[in-house]
Every structure is written in C-alpha cells, then in structure tokens.
C-alpha cells in the first residue's frame, strides 16, 4: 500500500494518550508519524512502520471524526 504525507493511519497498539490514529508527516527511508490525540511526533524505520500500521483511515470514517473532536475538546 502507498502512503503519502497527510494520510491518517491506524496502528496495532495505542499511544499512551489512548489514540491509535496517526498522521503521516514524512515518508521515505523513515516514517515520521504525529499522534492525532496529543500531537506527539515519532520517527520509525520504514519496515517497522509498515509492520505496525494496520490500515489507512478515510477522512469520512466516523472514528477519525470522533478522534479529531476529542482532540479539539482536550485543547480547548
């Protein structure tokens, strides 16, 4: 599967903040991922990133919308 900057992906394990959704910030030899829940940024080697990503989330997906609303409420 191809990944592009700005794609939202779901991972196998959740981040300590509770979110499983990440936004792709950089693609190449490494993947740079930003947590949708708390904006924490991590860098992973490409093979490890491909292993932990379970699916690409479409922007219309209800879970994506819930997570974004939750994040906005937390920051407000």
PDB file of N, CA and C in Angstrom:
ATOM      1  N   UNK A   1       0.844  -1.181   0.000  1.00  0.00           N
ATOM      2  CA  UNK A   1       0.000   0.000   0.000  1.00  0.00           C
ATOM      3  C   UNK A   1       0.887   1.241   0.000  1.00  0.00           C
ATOM      4  N   UNK A   2       0.466   2.262  -0.712  1.00  0.00           N
ATOM      5  CA  UNK A   2       1.222   3.510  -0.774  1.00  0.00           C
ATOM      6  C   UNK A   2       0.734   4.470   0.292  1.00  0.00           C
ATOM      7  N   UNK A   3       1.660   5.168   0.901  1.00  0.00           N
ATOM      8  CA  UNK A   3       1.343   6.162   1.914  1.00  0.00           C
ATOM      9  C   UNK A   3       1.884   7.507   1.471  1.00  0.00           C
ATOM     10  N   UNK A   4       1.119   8.551   1.783  1.00  0.00           N
ATOM     11  CA  UNK A   4       1.505   9.910   1.402  1.00  0.00           C
ATOM     12  C   UNK A   4       1.416  10.811   2.624  1.00  0.00           C
ATOM     13  N   UNK A   5       2.101  11.940   2.560  1.00  0.00           N
ATOM     14  CA  UNK A   5       2.052  12.915   3.635  1.00  0.00           C
ATOM     15  C   UNK A   5       0.607  13.376   3.816  1.00  0.00           C
ATOM     16  N   UNK A   6       0.160  13.415   5.066  1.00  0.00           N
ATOM     17  CA  UNK A   6      -1.203  13.840   5.375  1.00  0.00           C
ATOM     18  C   UNK A   6      -2.178  12.693   5.558  1.00  0.00           C
ATOM     19  N   UNK A   7      -1.790  11.465   5.169  1.00  0.00           N
ATOM     20  CA  UNK A   7      -2.658  10.305   5.367  1.00  0.00           C
ATOM     21  C   UNK A   7      -2.797  10.022   6.857  1.00  0.00           C
ATOM     22  N   UNK A   8      -3.969   9.553   7.259  1.00  0.00           N
ATOM     23  CA  UNK A   8      -4.206   9.129   8.634  1.00  0.00           C
ATOM     24  C   UNK A   8      -4.179   7.597   8.631  1.00  0.00           C
ATOM     25  N   UNK A   9      -3.383   7.024   9.541  1.00  0.00           N
ATOM     26  CA  UNK A   9      -3.264   5.570   9.624  1.00  0.00           C
ATOM     27  C   UNK A   9      -3.594   5.096  11.037  1.00  0.00           C
ATOM     28  N   UNK A  10      -4.007   3.826  11.131  1.00  0.00           N
ATOM     29  CA  UNK A  10      -4.296   3.192  12.418  1.00  0.00           C
ATOM     30  C   UNK A  10      -3.164   2.216  12.720  1.00  0.00           C
ATOM     31  N   UNK A  11      -2.738   2.152  13.987  1.00  0.00           N
ATOM     32  CA  UNK A  11      -1.664   1.247  14.378  1.00  0.00           C
ATOM     33  C   UNK A  11      -2.205   0.109  15.248  1.00  0.00           C
ATOM     34  N   UNK A  12      -1.396  -0.942  15.380  1.00  0.00           N
ATOM     35  CA  UNK A  12      -1.795  -2.107  16.175  1.00  0.00           C
ATOM     36  C   UNK A  12      -1.968  -1.743  17.650  1.00  0.00           C
ATOM     37  N   UNK A  13      -0.984  -1.038  18.195  1.00  0.00           N
ATOM     38  CA  UNK A  13      -1.022  -0.665  19.610  1.00  0.00           C
ATOM     39  C   UNK A  13      -1.374   0.809  19.736  1.00  0.00           C
ATOM     40  N   UNK A  14      -2.021   1.143  20.841  1.00  0.00           N
ATOM     41  CA  UNK A  14      -2.374   2.536  21.029  1.00  0.00           C
ATOM     42  C   UNK A  14      -1.264   3.309  21.732  1.00  0.00           C
ATOM     43  N   UNK A  15      -1.243   4.602  21.504  1.00  0.00           N
ATOM     44  CA  UNK A  15      -0.311   5.517  22.144  1.00  0.00           C
ATOM     45  C   UNK A  15      -0.764   5.697  23.598  1.00  0.00           C
ATOM     46  N   UNK A  16       0.122   6.047  24.522  1.00  0.00           N
ATOM     47  CA  UNK A  16      -0.293   6.241  25.920  1.00  0.00           C
ATOM     48  C   UNK A  16      -1.442   7.241  26.110  1.00  0.00           C
ATOM     49  N   UNK A  17      -1.629   8.150  25.171  1.00  0.00           N
ATOM     50  CA  UNK A  17      -2.743   9.108  25.285  1.00  0.00           C
ATOM     51  C   UNK A  17      -4.079   8.441  24.952  1.00  0.00           C
ATOM     52  N   UNK A  18      -4.061   7.228  24.393  1.00  0.00           N
ATOM     53  CA  UNK A  18      -5.280   6.494  24.093  1.00  0.00           C
ATOM     54  C   UNK A  18      -5.633   6.425  22.619  1.00  0.00           C
ATOM     55  N   UNK A  19      -4.924   7.158  21.779  1.00  0.00           N
ATOM     56  CA  UNK A  19      -5.237   7.192  20.351  1.00  0.00           C
ATOM     57  C   UNK A  19      -4.478   6.102  19.593  1.00  0.00           C
ATOM     58  N   UNK A  20      -5.136   5.538  18.588  1.00  0.00           N
ATOM     59  CA  UNK A  20      -4.478   4.592  17.681  1.00  0.00           C
ATOM     60  C   UNK A  20      -4.274   5.226  16.313  1.00  0.00           C
ATOM     61  N   UNK A  21      -4.682   6.482  16.164  1.00  0.00           N
ATOM     62  CA  UNK A  21      -4.601   7.158  14.877  1.00  0.00           C
ATOM     63  C   UNK A  21      -3.390   8.083  14.812  1.00  0.00           C
ATOM     64  N   UNK A  22      -2.711   8.033  13.672  1.00  0.00           N
ATOM     65  CA  UNK A  22      -1.512   8.830  13.456  1.00  0.00           C
ATOM     66  C   UNK A  22      -1.592   9.492  12.079  1.00  0.00           C
ATOM     67  N   UNK A  23      -1.055  10.690  11.982  1.00  0.00           N
ATOM     68  CA  UNK A  23      -0.958  11.387  10.701  1.00  0.00           C
ATOM     69  C   UNK A  23       0.466  11.238  10.194  1.00  0.00           C
ATOM     70  N   UNK A  24       0.621  10.904   8.928  1.00  0.00           N
ATOM     71  CA  UNK A  24       1.957  10.760   8.341  1.00  0.00           C
ATOM     72  C   UNK A  24       2.494  12.147   7.998  1.00  0.00           C
ATOM     73  N   UNK A  25       3.661  12.463   8.562  1.00  0.00           N
ATOM     74  CA  UNK A  25       4.288  13.771   8.360  1.00  0.00           C
ATOM     75  C   UNK A  25       5.442  13.665   7.363  1.00  0.00           C
ATOM     76  N   UNK A  26       6.106  12.506   7.334  1.00  0.00           N
ATOM     77  CA  UNK A  26       7.241  12.307   6.431  1.00  0.00           C
ATOM     78  C   UNK A  26       7.245  10.867   5.950  1.00  0.00           C
ATOM     79  N   UNK A  27       7.539  10.687   4.669  1.00  0.00           N
ATOM     80  CA  UNK A  27       7.635   9.357   4.076  1.00  0.00           C
ATOM     81  C   UNK A  27       8.955   9.275   3.339  1.00  0.00           C
ATOM     82  N   UNK A  28       9.628   8.161   3.478  1.00  0.00           N
ATOM     83  CA  UNK A  28      10.908   7.957   2.804  1.00  0.00           C
ATOM     84  C   UNK A  28      11.548   6.722   3.398  1.00  0.00           C
ATOM     85  N   UNK A  29      12.836   6.809   3.705  1.00  0.00           N
ATOM     86  CA  UNK A  29      13.522   5.705   4.374  1.00  0.00           C
ATOM     87  C   UNK A  29      12.902   5.516   5.757  1.00  0.00           C
ATOM     88  N   UNK A  30      12.519   6.637   6.401  1.00  0.00           N
ATOM     89  CA  UNK A  30      11.828   6.609   7.684  1.00  0.00           C
ATOM     90  C   UNK A  30      10.413   7.117   7.481  1.00  0.00           C
ATOM     91  N   UNK A  31       9.562   6.803   8.444  1.00  0.00           N
ATOM     92  CA  UNK A  31       8.230   7.396   8.511  1.00  0.00           C
ATOM     93  C   UNK A  31       8.216   8.288   9.743  1.00  0.00           C
ATOM     94  N   UNK A  32       7.741   9.499   9.600  1.00  0.00           N
ATOM     95  CA  UNK A  32       7.530  10.360  10.756  1.00  0.00           C
ATOM     96  C   UNK A  32       6.025  10.424  10.950  1.00  0.00           C
ATOM     97  N   UNK A  33       5.580  10.038  12.144  1.00  0.00           N
ATOM     98  CA  UNK A  33       4.152   9.974  12.454  1.00  0.00           C
ATOM     99  C   UNK A  33       3.825  10.932  13.592  1.00  0.00           C
ATOM    100  N   UNK A  34       2.693  11.628  13.467  1.00  0.00           N
ATOM    101  CA  UNK A  34       2.222  12.541  14.510  1.00  0.00           C
ATOM    102  C   UNK A  34       0.924  11.986  15.079  1.00  0.00           C
ATOM    103  N   UNK A  35       0.881  11.805  16.392  1.00  0.00           N
ATOM    104  CA  UNK A  35      -0.303  11.272  17.063  1.00  0.00           C
ATOM    105  C   UNK A  35      -1.461  12.249  16.889  1.00  0.00           C
ATOM    106  N   UNK A  36      -2.618  11.728  16.485  1.00  0.00           N
ATOM    107  CA  UNK A  36      -3.802  12.567  16.306  1.00  0.00           C
ATOM    108  C   UNK A  36      -4.325  13.024  17.669  1.00  0.00           C
ATOM    109  N   UNK A  37      -4.126  12.225  18.697  1.00  0.00           N
ATOM    110  CA  UNK A  37      -4.643  12.545  20.025  1.00  0.00           C
ATOM    111  C   UNK A  37      -3.881  13.624  20.769  1.00  0.00           C
ATOM    112  N   UNK A  38      -2.538  13.602  20.687  1.00  0.00           N
ATOM    113  CA  UNK A  38      -1.757  14.534  21.522  1.00  0.00           C
ATOM    114  C   UNK A  38      -0.655  15.277  20.762  1.00  0.00           C
ATOM    115  N   UNK A  39      -0.537  15.083  19.464  1.00  0.00           N
ATOM    116  CA  UNK A  39       0.466  15.757  18.617  1.00  0.00           C
ATOM    117  C   UNK A  39       1.912  15.323  18.875  1.00  0.00           C
ATOM    118  N   UNK A  40       2.106  14.216  19.584  1.00  0.00           N
ATOM    119  CA  UNK A  40       3.459  13.683  19.791  1.00  0.00           C
ATOM    120  C   UNK A  40       3.975  13.148  18.458  1.00  0.00           C
ATOM    121  N   UNK A  41       5.247  13.421  18.142  1.00  0.00           N
ATOM    122  CA  UNK A  41       5.824  13.003  16.862  1.00  0.00           C
ATOM    123  C   UNK A  41       6.872  11.920  17.110  1.00  0.00           C
ATOM    124  N   UNK A  42       6.794  10.843  16.329  1.00  0.00           N
ATOM    125  CA  UNK A  42       7.794   9.775  16.404  1.00  0.00           C
ATOM    126  C   UNK A  42       8.355   9.509  15.013  1.00  0.00           C
ATOM    127  N   UNK A  43       9.570   8.987  14.972  1.00  0.00           N
ATOM    128  CA  UNK A  43      10.195   8.586  13.715  1.00  0.00           C
ATOM    129  C   UNK A  43      10.482   7.095  13.803  1.00  0.00           C
ATOM    130  N   UNK A  44      10.032   6.368  12.782  1.00  0.00           N
ATOM    131  CA  UNK A  44      10.242   4.917  12.733  1.00  0.00           C
ATOM    132  C   UNK A  44      10.906   4.541  11.413  1.00  0.00           C
ATOM    133  N   UNK A  45      11.726   3.502  11.445  1.00  0.00           N
ATOM    134  CA  UNK A  45      12.282   2.972  10.206  1.00  0.00           C
ATOM    135  C   UNK A  45      11.134   2.424   9.378  1.00  0.00           C
ATOM    136  N   UNK A  46      11.265   2.501   8.063  1.00  0.00           N
ATOM    137  CA  UNK A  46      10.182   2.094   7.157  1.00  0.00           C
ATOM    138  C   UNK A  46       9.652   0.680   7.432  1.00  0.00           C
ATOM    139  N   UNK A  47      10.518  -0.347   7.570  1.00  0.00           N
ATOM    140  CA  UNK A  47       9.989  -1.704   7.810  1.00  0.00           C
ATOM    141  C   UNK A  47       9.163  -1.803   9.094  1.00  0.00           C
ATOM    142  N   UNK A  48       9.616  -1.126  10.155  1.00  0.00           N
ATOM    143  CA  UNK A  48       8.882  -1.162  11.425  1.00  0.00           C
ATOM    144  C   UNK A  48       7.549  -0.429  11.285  1.00  0.00           C
ATOM    145  N   UNK A  49       7.544   0.715  10.612  1.00  0.00           N
ATOM    146  CA  UNK A  49       6.306   1.477  10.409  1.00  0.00           C
ATOM    147  C   UNK A  49       5.294   0.652   9.610  1.00  0.00           C
ATOM    148  N   UNK A  50       5.749  -0.001   8.551  1.00  0.00           N
ATOM    149  CA  UNK A  50       4.842  -0.815   7.728  1.00  0.00           C
ATOM    150  C   UNK A  50       4.278  -1.985   8.528  1.00  0.00           C
ATOM    151  N   UNK A  51       5.053  -2.474   9.491  1.00  0.00           N
ATOM    152  CA  UNK A  51       4.618  -3.596  10.309  1.00  0.00           C
ATOM    153  C   UNK A  51       3.541  -3.174  11.308  1.00  0.00           C
ATOM    154  N   UNK A  52       3.655  -1.971  11.894  1.00  0.00           N
ATOM    155  CA  UNK A  52       2.685  -1.567  12.923  1.00  0.00           C
ATOM    156  C   UNK A  52       1.412  -0.943  12.354  1.00  0.00           C
ATOM    157  N   UNK A  53       1.455  -0.461  11.099  1.00  0.00           N
ATOM    158  CA  UNK A  53       0.271   0.160  10.503  1.00  0.00           C
ATOM    159  C   UNK A  53      -0.701  -0.937  10.067  1.00  0.00           C
ATOM    160  N   UNK A  54      -1.956  -0.832  10.539  1.00  0.00           N
ATOM    161  CA  UNK A  54      -2.955  -1.836  10.184  1.00  0.00           C
ATOM    162  C   UNK A  54      -3.831  -1.402   9.026  1.00  0.00           C
ATOM    163  N   UNK A  55      -4.169  -0.106   8.952  1.00  0.00           N
ATOM    164  CA  UNK A  55      -4.967   0.356   7.817  1.00  0.00           C
ATOM    165  C   UNK A  55      -4.897   1.863   7.665  1.00  0.00           C
ATOM    166  N   UNK A  56      -5.239   2.296   6.476  1.00  0.00           N
ATOM    167  CA  UNK A  56      -5.329   3.716   6.153  1.00  0.00           C
ATOM    168  C   UNK A  56      -6.764   4.138   6.425  1.00  0.00           C
ATOM    169  N   UNK A  57      -6.952   5.246   7.126  1.00  0.00           N
ATOM    170  CA  UNK A  57      -8.283   5.721   7.505  1.00  0.00           C
ATOM    171  C   UNK A  57      -8.746   6.772   6.498  1.00  0.00           C
ATOM    172  N   UNK A  58      -9.978   6.616   6.019  1.00  0.00           N
ATOM    173  CA  UNK A  58     -10.531   7.631   5.129  1.00  0.00           C
ATOM    174  C   UNK A  58     -11.067   8.782   5.978  1.00  0.00           C
ATOM    175  N   UNK A  59     -11.034   9.977   5.444  1.00  0.00           N
ATOM    176  CA  UNK A  59     -11.455  11.155   6.200  1.00  0.00           C
ATOM    177  C   UNK A  59     -12.937  11.112   6.555  1.00  0.00           C
ATOM    178  N   UNK A  60     -13.719  10.321   5.838  1.00  0.00           N
ATOM    179  CA  UNK A  60     -15.143  10.212   6.124  1.00  0.00           C
ATOM    180  C   UNK A  60     -15.431   9.230   7.257  1.00  0.00           C
ATOM    181  N   UNK A  61     -14.402   8.478   7.645  1.00  0.00           N
ATOM    182  CA  UNK A  61     -14.579   7.465   8.683  1.00  0.00           C
ATOM    183  C   UNK A  61     -15.015   8.122   9.994  1.00  0.00           C
ATOM    184  N   UNK A  62     -16.031   7.556  10.628  1.00  0.00           N
ATOM    185  CA  UNK A  62     -16.583   8.121  11.858  1.00  0.00           C
ATOM    186  C   UNK A  62     -15.550   8.173  12.978  1.00  0.00           C
ATOM    187  N   UNK A  63     -14.717   7.161  13.060  1.00  0.00           N
ATOM    188  CA  UNK A  63     -13.712   7.105  14.123  1.00  0.00           C
ATOM    189  C   UNK A  63     -12.750   8.285  14.005  1.00  0.00           C
ATOM    190  N   UNK A  64     -12.365   8.603  12.792  1.00  0.00           N
ATOM    191  CA  UNK A  64     -11.461   9.731  12.540  1.00  0.00           C
ATOM    192  C   UNK A  64     -12.106  11.020  13.031  1.00  0.00           C
ATOM    193  N   UNK A  65     -13.368  11.211  12.718  1.00  0.00           N
ATOM    194  CA  UNK A  65     -14.072  12.428  13.114  1.00  0.00           C
ATOM    195  C   UNK A  65     -14.193  12.509  14.636  1.00  0.00           C
ATOM    196  N   UNK A  66     -14.511  11.375  15.296  1.00  0.00           N
ATOM    197  CA  UNK A  66     -14.610  11.351  16.758  1.00  0.00           C
ATOM    198  C   UNK A  66     -13.283  11.728  17.398  1.00  0.00           C
ATOM    199  N   UNK A  67     -12.197  11.178  16.875  1.00  0.00           N
ATOM    200  CA  UNK A  67     -10.871  11.423  17.433  1.00  0.00           C
ATOM    201  C   UNK A  67     -10.490  12.900  17.302  1.00  0.00           C
ATOM    202  N   UNK A  68     -10.801  13.508  16.168  1.00  0.00           N
ATOM    203  CA  UNK A  68     -10.496  14.921  15.951  1.00  0.00           C
ATOM    204  C   UNK A  68     -11.317  15.787  16.909  1.00  0.00           C
ATOM    205  N   UNK A  69     -12.597  15.460  17.090  1.00  0.00           N
ATOM    206  CA  UNK A  69     -13.454  16.221  18.015  1.00  0.00           C
ATOM    207  C   UNK A  69     -12.944  16.091  19.445  1.00  0.00           C
ATOM    208  N   UNK A  70     -12.521  14.894  19.827  1.00  0.00           N
ATOM    209  CA  UNK A  70     -11.980  14.650  21.161  1.00  0.00           C
ATOM    210  C   UNK A  70     -10.726  15.495  21.384  1.00  0.00           C
ATOM    211  N   UNK A  71      -9.879  15.559  20.369  1.00  0.00           N
ATOM    212  CA  UNK A  71      -8.639  16.330  20.449  1.00  0.00           C
ATOM    213  C   UNK A  71      -8.939  17.821  20.595  1.00  0.00           C
ATOM    214  N   UNK A  72      -9.934  18.332  19.856  1.00  0.00           N
ATOM    215  CA  UNK A  72     -10.297  19.752  19.920  1.00  0.00           C
ATOM    216  C   UNK A  72     -10.827  20.099  21.323  1.00  0.00           C
ATOM    217  N   UNK A  73     -11.633  19.195  21.902  1.00  0.00           N
ATOM    218  CA  UNK A  73     -12.173  19.441  23.238  1.00  0.00           C
ATOM    219  C   UNK A  73     -11.065  19.453  24.280  1.00  0.00           C
ATOM    220  N   UNK A  74     -10.090  18.585  24.114  1.00  0.00           N
ATOM    221  CA  UNK A  74      -8.978  18.498  25.058  1.00  0.00           C
ATOM    222  C   UNK A  74      -8.145  19.782  25.017  1.00  0.00           C
ATOM    223  N   UNK A  75      -7.953  20.335  23.821  1.00  0.00           N
ATOM    224  CA  UNK A  75      -7.132  21.536  23.648  1.00  0.00           C
ATOM    225  C   UNK A  75      -7.876  22.814  24.026  1.00  0.00           C
ATOM    226  N   UNK A  76      -9.196  22.766  24.095  1.00  0.00           N
ATOM    227  CA  UNK A  76      -9.982  23.979  24.375  1.00  0.00           C
ATOM    228  C   UNK A  76      -9.985  24.339  25.842  1.00  0.00           C
TER     229      UNK A  76
END
